[in-house]
Amino acid sequence: MRKRAPNGAPVKWLKDHATYTGDDCLPWPFGMKPNGYGSVQVGTKWMNAHRAMCLMAHGEPAAGETDVAHSCGNRACCNPRHLRHATRKANERDKLRHGTSARGTNNGHAILTEDAVRAIRESVASGRMLSEHYGVAQETISAIRHRKIWAWLH
């Protein structure tokens, strides 16, 4: 369990490391959210630590660049050389490459497995029967069969 950081220590750490030039990941040493991202209060606003670092090191993002992407795939990393402003699409591509995307069974809310989705697509059973068997709504079965969800899975 991490101890509560003294007032101002997290922001000071960010400022002290905004010009860090090492190649290794620079893990956030303070409070972490359950999703693996560091959390910091800058002024009156709470934000992800990697976002605060990216803003300090690289300035404001260009129009349309709403995300901060990690080149390393490490959510706890605050190395400014591993961070960049990115579009949502570019950040999602990075997550896929790193295996950190929350799609499919990586999504904490997923009920179905990849094998179950494949079985649903191959089945000739009714949507109602499959819905009852797998414990999901008939709309979910239909969306799987029409590739509106799990579309990436072959």
N, C-alpha and C. Protein backbone atom coordinates (compact mmCIF):
# COMPACT_ATOMS: atom_id res chain seq x y z
N MET A 1 0.85 -1.19 0.00
CA MET A 1 0.00 0.00 0.00
C MET A 1 0.89 1.24 0.00
N ARG A 2 0.59 2.15 -0.87
CA ARG A 2 1.36 3.38 -0.96
C ARG A 2 0.89 4.36 0.11
N LYS A 3 1.84 5.12 0.65
CA LYS A 3 1.51 6.16 1.62
C LYS A 3 1.05 7.40 0.88
N ARG A 4 0.26 8.21 1.55
CA ARG A 4 -0.18 9.47 0.98
C ARG A 4 1.04 10.37 0.80
N ALA A 5 1.14 10.96 -0.36
CA ALA A 5 2.27 11.84 -0.67
C ALA A 5 2.10 13.18 0.04
N PRO A 6 3.21 13.77 0.48
CA PRO A 6 3.12 15.12 1.07
C PRO A 6 2.56 16.10 0.04
N ASN A 7 1.85 17.13 0.52
CA ASN A 7 1.28 18.13 -0.38
C ASN A 7 2.34 18.68 -1.32
N GLY A 8 2.01 18.70 -2.59
CA GLY A 8 2.90 19.26 -3.59
C GLY A 8 3.94 18.31 -4.14
N ALA A 9 4.19 17.19 -3.46
CA ALA A 9 5.25 16.27 -3.89
C ALA A 9 4.99 15.68 -5.28
N PRO A 10 3.76 15.25 -5.62
CA PRO A 10 3.55 14.69 -6.95
C PRO A 10 3.80 15.70 -8.08
N VAL A 11 3.33 16.93 -7.92
CA VAL A 11 3.55 17.95 -8.95
C VAL A 11 5.03 18.29 -9.04
N LYS A 12 5.70 18.35 -7.90
CA LYS A 12 7.14 18.62 -7.92
C LYS A 12 7.88 17.50 -8.65
N TRP A 13 7.48 16.26 -8.40
CA TRP A 13 8.11 15.13 -9.09
C TRP A 13 7.93 15.25 -10.61
N LEU A 14 6.71 15.62 -11.05
CA LEU A 14 6.46 15.80 -12.48
C LEU A 14 7.38 16.87 -13.06
N LYS A 15 7.46 18.01 -12.38
CA LYS A 15 8.30 19.12 -12.85
C LYS A 15 9.77 18.69 -12.90
N ASP A 16 10.22 17.98 -11.87
CA ASP A 16 11.61 17.54 -11.80
C ASP A 16 11.96 16.55 -12.92
N HIS A 17 10.96 15.80 -13.41
CA HIS A 17 11.21 14.76 -14.41
C HIS A 17 10.71 15.13 -15.81
N ALA A 18 10.19 16.33 -16.00
CA ALA A 18 9.66 16.75 -17.30
C ALA A 18 10.75 16.80 -18.38
N THR A 19 12.01 16.88 -17.97
CA THR A 19 13.12 16.90 -18.94
C THR A 19 13.92 15.60 -18.88
N TYR A 20 13.35 14.57 -18.30
CA TYR A 20 14.01 13.27 -18.20
C TYR A 20 14.39 12.77 -19.60
N THR A 21 15.61 12.28 -19.75
CA THR A 21 16.08 11.85 -21.08
C THR A 21 16.41 10.36 -21.15
N GLY A 22 16.15 9.62 -20.10
CA GLY A 22 16.43 8.19 -20.12
C GLY A 22 15.49 7.44 -21.05
N ASP A 23 15.89 6.24 -21.43
CA ASP A 23 15.07 5.42 -22.33
C ASP A 23 14.12 4.48 -21.59
N ASP A 24 14.42 4.18 -20.32
CA ASP A 24 13.58 3.26 -19.57
C ASP A 24 12.28 3.93 -19.13
N CYS A 25 11.29 3.10 -18.85
CA CYS A 25 10.04 3.64 -18.31
C CYS A 25 10.33 4.35 -17.00
N LEU A 26 9.55 5.36 -16.73
CA LEU A 26 9.66 6.15 -15.51
C LEU A 26 8.34 5.98 -14.76
N PRO A 27 8.26 4.98 -13.87
CA PRO A 27 6.97 4.68 -13.23
C PRO A 27 6.54 5.76 -12.24
N TRP A 28 5.27 6.03 -12.24
CA TRP A 28 4.67 7.01 -11.32
C TRP A 28 4.78 6.46 -9.90
N PRO A 29 5.42 7.21 -8.99
CA PRO A 29 5.66 6.68 -7.65
C PRO A 29 4.58 6.98 -6.62
N PHE A 30 3.50 7.61 -7.03
CA PHE A 30 2.48 8.02 -6.07
C PHE A 30 1.16 7.28 -6.33
N GLY A 31 0.05 7.88 -5.97
CA GLY A 31 -1.25 7.23 -6.04
C GLY A 31 -1.61 6.71 -7.42
N MET A 32 -2.16 5.50 -7.43
CA MET A 32 -2.56 4.85 -8.67
C MET A 32 -4.06 4.56 -8.63
N LYS A 33 -4.68 4.66 -9.78
CA LYS A 33 -6.09 4.28 -9.92
C LYS A 33 -6.15 2.75 -10.11
N PRO A 34 -7.30 2.15 -9.87
CA PRO A 34 -7.42 0.70 -10.10
C PRO A 34 -7.11 0.27 -11.54
N ASN A 35 -7.25 1.19 -12.49
CA ASN A 35 -6.99 0.85 -13.89
C ASN A 35 -5.50 0.91 -14.25
N GLY A 36 -4.64 1.19 -13.29
CA GLY A 36 -3.20 1.17 -13.52
C GLY A 36 -2.58 2.50 -13.88
N TYR A 37 -3.37 3.55 -13.99
CA TYR A 37 -2.85 4.88 -14.30
C TYR A 37 -2.57 5.64 -13.02
N GLY A 38 -1.50 6.44 -13.04
CA GLY A 38 -1.21 7.32 -11.93
C GLY A 38 -2.22 8.45 -11.90
N SER A 39 -2.42 9.01 -10.72
CA SER A 39 -3.38 10.09 -10.55
C SER A 39 -2.72 11.24 -9.80
N VAL A 40 -2.97 12.47 -10.25
CA VAL A 40 -2.34 13.63 -9.62
C VAL A 40 -3.32 14.81 -9.65
N GLN A 41 -3.23 15.63 -8.60
CA GLN A 41 -4.03 16.85 -8.56
C GLN A 41 -3.12 18.01 -8.96
N VAL A 42 -3.49 18.68 -10.05
CA VAL A 42 -2.75 19.85 -10.51
C VAL A 42 -3.68 21.03 -10.32
N GLY A 43 -3.35 21.88 -9.37
CA GLY A 43 -4.27 22.95 -8.99
C GLY A 43 -5.49 22.34 -8.34
N THR A 44 -6.65 22.61 -8.91
CA THR A 44 -7.89 22.03 -8.38
C THR A 44 -8.37 20.85 -9.21
N LYS A 45 -7.63 20.51 -10.25
CA LYS A 45 -8.07 19.48 -11.19
C LYS A 45 -7.30 18.17 -11.00
N TRP A 46 -8.04 17.05 -10.90
CA TRP A 46 -7.42 15.73 -10.87
C TRP A 46 -7.29 15.24 -12.30
N MET A 47 -6.16 14.60 -12.61
CA MET A 47 -5.95 14.04 -13.95
C MET A 47 -5.00 12.87 -13.87
N ASN A 48 -4.93 12.13 -14.96
CA ASN A 48 -3.95 11.05 -15.03
C ASN A 48 -2.55 11.66 -15.03
N ALA A 49 -1.64 11.02 -14.31
CA ALA A 49 -0.29 11.54 -14.16
C ALA A 49 0.43 11.62 -15.50
N HIS A 50 0.23 10.63 -16.38
CA HIS A 50 0.90 10.68 -17.68
C HIS A 50 0.41 11.84 -18.53
N ARG A 51 -0.86 12.21 -18.38
CA ARG A 51 -1.39 13.37 -19.10
C ARG A 51 -0.76 14.65 -18.58
N ALA A 52 -0.66 14.76 -17.26
CA ALA A 52 -0.02 15.95 -16.67
C ALA A 52 1.43 16.06 -17.13
N MET A 53 2.14 14.92 -17.18
CA MET A 53 3.53 14.94 -17.63
C MET A 53 3.63 15.35 -19.09
N CYS A 54 2.75 14.83 -19.92
CA CYS A 54 2.77 15.16 -21.34
C CYS A 54 2.53 16.66 -21.54
N LEU A 55 1.59 17.22 -20.79
CA LEU A 55 1.33 18.66 -20.89
C LEU A 55 2.54 19.47 -20.45
N MET A 56 3.19 19.05 -19.35
CA MET A 56 4.37 19.77 -18.87
C MET A 56 5.54 19.68 -19.84
N ALA A 57 5.72 18.50 -20.41
CA ALA A 57 6.89 18.26 -21.26
C ALA A 57 6.69 18.71 -22.70
N HIS A 58 5.46 18.60 -23.20
CA HIS A 58 5.22 18.84 -24.62
C HIS A 58 4.23 19.96 -24.92
N GLY A 59 3.67 20.56 -23.89
CA GLY A 59 2.71 21.64 -24.10
C GLY A 59 1.32 21.14 -24.43
N GLU A 60 0.49 22.06 -24.88
CA GLU A 60 -0.90 21.74 -25.21
C GLU A 60 -0.97 20.92 -26.50
N PRO A 61 -1.96 20.06 -26.62
CA PRO A 61 -2.09 19.24 -27.83
C PRO A 61 -2.62 20.05 -29.01
N ALA A 62 -2.36 19.53 -30.19
CA ALA A 62 -2.93 20.11 -31.42
C ALA A 62 -4.41 19.77 -31.47
N ALA A 63 -5.14 20.49 -32.27
CA ALA A 63 -6.58 20.24 -32.42
C ALA A 63 -6.81 18.79 -32.83
N GLY A 64 -7.77 18.14 -32.18
CA GLY A 64 -8.11 16.76 -32.50
C GLY A 64 -7.31 15.72 -31.74
N GLU A 65 -6.24 16.14 -31.09
CA GLU A 65 -5.42 15.19 -30.32
C GLU A 65 -5.90 15.22 -28.87
N THR A 66 -6.84 14.35 -28.57
CA THR A 66 -7.48 14.36 -27.26
C THR A 66 -6.87 13.38 -26.27
N ASP A 67 -6.08 12.43 -26.76
CA ASP A 67 -5.50 11.40 -25.90
C ASP A 67 -4.01 11.65 -25.69
N VAL A 68 -3.48 11.02 -24.67
CA VAL A 68 -2.03 10.94 -24.47
C VAL A 68 -1.67 9.48 -24.63
N ALA A 69 -0.80 9.19 -25.59
CA ALA A 69 -0.45 7.81 -25.92
C ALA A 69 0.92 7.46 -25.37
N HIS A 70 1.07 6.21 -24.95
CA HIS A 70 2.34 5.66 -24.47
C HIS A 70 2.99 4.86 -25.60
N SER A 71 4.22 5.16 -25.94
CA SER A 71 4.92 4.33 -26.93
C SER A 71 5.35 3.00 -26.31
N CYS A 72 5.41 2.95 -24.98
CA CYS A 72 5.89 1.76 -24.28
C CYS A 72 4.75 0.81 -23.89
N GLY A 73 3.52 1.28 -23.86
CA GLY A 73 2.39 0.45 -23.46
C GLY A 73 2.25 0.27 -21.95
N ASN A 74 3.03 1.00 -21.16
CA ASN A 74 3.02 0.89 -19.70
C ASN A 74 2.19 2.02 -19.13
N ARG A 75 1.02 1.72 -18.61
CA ARG A 75 0.11 2.75 -18.10
C ARG A 75 0.71 3.59 -16.97
N ALA A 76 1.58 3.02 -16.19
CA ALA A 76 2.17 3.73 -15.06
C ALA A 76 3.35 4.61 -15.47
N CYS A 77 3.79 4.49 -16.72
CA CYS A 77 4.98 5.20 -17.17
C CYS A 77 4.70 6.69 -17.37
N CYS A 78 5.62 7.51 -16.87
CA CYS A 78 5.54 8.96 -17.04
C CYS A 78 6.79 9.51 -17.71
N ASN A 79 7.54 8.66 -18.41
CA ASN A 79 8.71 9.13 -19.14
C ASN A 79 8.22 10.02 -20.28
N PRO A 80 8.61 11.31 -20.28
CA PRO A 80 8.11 12.21 -21.32
C PRO A 80 8.51 11.76 -22.73
N ARG A 81 9.57 10.99 -22.85
CA ARG A 81 9.98 10.49 -24.17
C ARG A 81 9.08 9.35 -24.65
N HIS A 82 8.32 8.77 -23.74
CA HIS A 82 7.39 7.69 -24.10
C HIS A 82 5.98 8.21 -24.32
N LEU A 83 5.76 9.49 -24.11
CA LEU A 83 4.42 10.07 -24.17
C LEU A 83 4.30 11.05 -25.33
N ARG A 84 3.10 11.06 -25.92
CA ARG A 84 2.83 12.04 -26.97
C ARG A 84 1.33 12.30 -27.01
N HIS A 85 0.95 13.48 -27.50
CA HIS A 85 -0.45 13.77 -27.76
C HIS A 85 -0.83 12.99 -29.01
N ALA A 86 -2.02 12.42 -29.01
CA ALA A 86 -2.45 11.59 -30.14
C ALA A 86 -3.95 11.67 -30.31
N THR A 87 -4.40 11.29 -31.48
CA THR A 87 -5.84 11.17 -31.71
C THR A 87 -6.31 9.90 -31.00
N ARG A 88 -7.59 9.80 -30.76
CA ARG A 88 -8.15 8.60 -30.14
C ARG A 88 -7.83 7.37 -30.99
N LYS A 89 -7.95 7.51 -32.30
CA LYS A 89 -7.69 6.39 -33.21
C LYS A 89 -6.24 5.92 -33.12
N ALA A 90 -5.30 6.87 -33.09
CA ALA A 90 -3.88 6.51 -32.99
C ALA A 90 -3.59 5.83 -31.65
N ASN A 91 -4.20 6.33 -30.59
CA ASN A 91 -3.99 5.75 -29.26
C ASN A 91 -4.56 4.33 -29.22
N GLU A 92 -5.73 4.11 -29.81
CA GLU A 92 -6.32 2.78 -29.83
C GLU A 92 -5.46 1.82 -30.64
N ARG A 93 -4.87 2.28 -31.74
CA ARG A 93 -3.94 1.44 -32.52
C ARG A 93 -2.74 1.04 -31.66
N ASP A 94 -2.21 2.00 -30.90
CA ASP A 94 -1.09 1.69 -30.00
C ASP A 94 -1.50 0.62 -28.99
N LYS A 95 -2.68 0.76 -28.41
CA LYS A 95 -3.15 -0.21 -27.42
C LYS A 95 -3.25 -1.61 -28.01
N LEU A 96 -3.72 -1.69 -29.25
CA LEU A 96 -3.80 -2.99 -29.91
C LEU A 96 -2.41 -3.58 -30.08
N ARG A 97 -1.47 -2.74 -30.49
CA ARG A 97 -0.09 -3.20 -30.71
C ARG A 97 0.54 -3.67 -29.40
N HIS A 98 0.21 -2.99 -28.30
CA HIS A 98 0.80 -3.34 -27.00
C HIS A 98 0.03 -4.44 -26.27
N GLY A 99 -1.17 -4.76 -26.76
CA GLY A 99 -1.99 -5.77 -26.08
C GLY A 99 -2.68 -5.22 -24.85
N THR A 100 -2.86 -3.90 -24.77
CA THR A 100 -3.49 -3.30 -23.61
C THR A 100 -4.89 -2.77 -23.91
N SER A 101 -5.41 -3.06 -25.08
CA SER A 101 -6.75 -2.60 -25.45
C SER A 101 -7.79 -3.33 -24.60
N ALA A 102 -8.84 -2.63 -24.25
CA ALA A 102 -9.90 -3.22 -23.42
C ALA A 102 -11.01 -3.80 -24.27
N ARG A 103 -10.65 -4.45 -25.36
CA ARG A 103 -11.69 -5.06 -26.18
C ARG A 103 -11.68 -6.57 -25.95
N GLY A 104 -12.81 -7.17 -26.28
CA GLY A 104 -12.92 -8.62 -26.09
C GLY A 104 -12.80 -9.01 -24.64
N THR A 105 -12.09 -10.09 -24.38
CA THR A 105 -11.97 -10.59 -23.01
C THR A 105 -11.08 -9.71 -22.15
N ASN A 106 -10.36 -8.74 -22.74
CA ASN A 106 -9.58 -7.78 -21.93
C ASN A 106 -10.48 -6.74 -21.29
N ASN A 107 -11.73 -6.69 -21.71
CA ASN A 107 -12.69 -5.76 -21.12
C ASN A 107 -13.22 -6.40 -19.85
N GLY A 108 -13.09 -5.70 -18.76
CA GLY A 108 -13.53 -6.23 -17.47
C GLY A 108 -15.01 -6.54 -17.38
N HIS A 109 -15.79 -6.04 -18.32
CA HIS A 109 -17.23 -6.28 -18.31
C HIS A 109 -17.64 -7.39 -19.28
N ALA A 110 -16.69 -7.99 -19.96
CA ALA A 110 -17.00 -9.02 -20.96
C ALA A 110 -17.63 -10.23 -20.30
N ILE A 111 -18.70 -10.69 -20.90
CA ILE A 111 -19.37 -11.90 -20.43
C ILE A 111 -18.94 -13.08 -21.29
N LEU A 112 -18.75 -12.82 -22.56
CA LEU A 112 -18.44 -13.87 -23.52
C LEU A 112 -16.94 -14.00 -23.75
N THR A 113 -16.54 -15.19 -24.15
CA THR A 113 -15.16 -15.44 -24.55
C THR A 113 -15.09 -15.40 -26.08
N GLU A 114 -13.89 -15.35 -26.60
CA GLU A 114 -13.71 -15.38 -28.05
C GLU A 114 -14.29 -16.67 -28.63
N ASP A 115 -14.08 -17.79 -27.95
CA ASP A 115 -14.62 -19.07 -28.42
C ASP A 115 -16.15 -19.05 -28.45
N ALA A 116 -16.76 -18.41 -27.44
CA ALA A 116 -18.22 -18.32 -27.41
C ALA A 116 -18.73 -17.48 -28.58
N VAL A 117 -18.05 -16.39 -28.87
CA VAL A 117 -18.46 -15.53 -30.00
C VAL A 117 -18.36 -16.30 -31.31
N ARG A 118 -17.28 -17.05 -31.48
CA ARG A 118 -17.14 -17.86 -32.70
C ARG A 118 -18.26 -18.90 -32.79
N ALA A 119 -18.58 -19.51 -31.66
CA ALA A 119 -19.64 -20.52 -31.64
C ALA A 119 -21.00 -19.89 -31.97
N ILE A 120 -21.26 -18.71 -31.47
CA ILE A 120 -22.52 -18.01 -31.77
C ILE A 120 -22.62 -17.75 -33.27
N ARG A 121 -21.53 -17.31 -33.87
CA ARG A 121 -21.55 -17.01 -35.31
C ARG A 121 -21.77 -18.27 -36.16
N GLU A 122 -21.27 -19.39 -35.68
CA GLU A 122 -21.39 -20.64 -36.44
C GLU A 122 -22.72 -21.36 -36.19
N SER A 123 -23.38 -21.01 -35.10
CA SER A 123 -24.59 -21.72 -34.69
C SER A 123 -25.80 -21.38 -35.58
N VAL A 124 -26.64 -22.39 -35.77
CA VAL A 124 -27.91 -22.18 -36.47
C VAL A 124 -29.06 -22.06 -35.47
N ALA A 125 -28.75 -22.15 -34.19
CA ALA A 125 -29.77 -22.03 -33.14
C ALA A 125 -30.35 -20.62 -33.15
N SER A 126 -31.53 -20.49 -32.60
CA SER A 126 -32.19 -19.19 -32.57
C SER A 126 -31.44 -18.24 -31.63
N GLY A 127 -31.64 -16.96 -31.87
CA GLY A 127 -31.06 -15.95 -31.00
C GLY A 127 -31.54 -16.11 -29.57
N ARG A 128 -32.80 -16.49 -29.42
CA ARG A 128 -33.37 -16.67 -28.08
C ARG A 128 -32.66 -17.81 -27.34
N MET A 129 -32.46 -18.93 -28.03
CA MET A 129 -31.79 -20.07 -27.39
C MET A 129 -30.35 -19.71 -27.00
N LEU A 130 -29.65 -19.06 -27.93
CA LEU A 130 -28.26 -18.67 -27.64
C LEU A 130 -28.20 -17.64 -26.52
N SER A 131 -29.15 -16.74 -26.52
CA SER A 131 -29.22 -15.72 -25.47
C SER A 131 -29.36 -16.38 -24.09
N GLU A 132 -30.23 -17.34 -23.99
CA GLU A 132 -30.43 -18.05 -22.72
C GLU A 132 -29.20 -18.88 -22.36
N HIS A 133 -28.60 -19.52 -23.35
CA HIS A 133 -27.44 -20.38 -23.10
C HIS A 133 -26.24 -19.55 -22.59
N TYR A 134 -25.99 -18.42 -23.22
CA TYR A 134 -24.80 -17.63 -22.88
C TYR A 134 -25.06 -16.53 -21.85
N GLY A 135 -26.33 -16.31 -21.49
CA GLY A 135 -26.64 -15.31 -20.48
C GLY A 135 -26.47 -13.87 -20.94
N VAL A 136 -26.76 -13.64 -22.22
CA VAL A 136 -26.70 -12.29 -22.77
C VAL A 136 -28.01 -11.99 -23.48
N ALA A 137 -28.25 -10.73 -23.80
CA ALA A 137 -29.49 -10.34 -24.47
C ALA A 137 -29.52 -10.84 -25.91
N GLN A 138 -30.73 -11.03 -26.42
CA GLN A 138 -30.88 -11.43 -27.82
C GLN A 138 -30.27 -10.39 -28.75
N GLU A 139 -30.33 -9.12 -28.36
CA GLU A 139 -29.73 -8.05 -29.16
C GLU A 139 -28.22 -8.24 -29.27
N THR A 140 -27.61 -8.76 -28.22
CA THR A 140 -26.17 -9.03 -28.24
C THR A 140 -25.86 -10.13 -29.23
N ILE A 141 -26.67 -11.19 -29.24
CA ILE A 141 -26.48 -12.29 -30.19
C ILE A 141 -26.59 -11.75 -31.61
N SER A 142 -27.59 -10.94 -31.87
CA SER A 142 -27.79 -10.36 -33.20
C SER A 142 -26.61 -9.47 -33.58
N ALA A 143 -26.15 -8.65 -32.66
CA ALA A 143 -25.03 -7.75 -32.95
C ALA A 143 -23.75 -8.55 -33.25
N ILE A 144 -23.56 -9.66 -32.57
CA ILE A 144 -22.40 -10.53 -32.84
C ILE A 144 -22.53 -11.13 -34.24
N ARG A 145 -23.70 -11.66 -34.56
CA ARG A 145 -23.90 -12.30 -35.86
C ARG A 145 -23.76 -11.30 -37.02
N HIS A 146 -24.14 -10.06 -36.79
CA HIS A 146 -24.05 -9.03 -37.84
C HIS A 146 -22.73 -8.24 -37.76
N ARG A 147 -21.83 -8.71 -36.90
CA ARG A 147 -20.50 -8.10 -36.73
C ARG A 147 -20.54 -6.62 -36.36
N LYS A 148 -21.56 -6.26 -35.59
CA LYS A 148 -21.62 -4.89 -35.04
C LYS A 148 -20.77 -4.80 -33.78
N ILE A 149 -20.61 -5.93 -33.10
CA ILE A 149 -19.69 -6.03 -31.96
C ILE A 149 -18.80 -7.24 -32.18
N TRP A 150 -17.65 -7.23 -31.57
CA TRP A 150 -16.63 -8.27 -31.77
C TRP A 150 -16.27 -8.39 -33.26
N ALA A 151 -16.40 -7.30 -33.99
CA ALA A 151 -16.19 -7.32 -35.44
C ALA A 151 -14.75 -7.71 -35.81
N TRP A 152 -13.83 -7.41 -34.96
CA TRP A 152 -12.41 -7.69 -35.23
C TRP A 152 -12.07 -9.17 -35.13
N LEU A 153 -12.94 -9.93 -34.47
CA LEU A 153 -12.67 -11.35 -34.23
C LEU A 153 -13.06 -12.18 -35.44
N HIS A 154 -12.14 -12.99 -35.90
CA HIS A 154 -12.41 -13.85 -37.07
C HIS A 154 -12.62 -15.27 -36.63
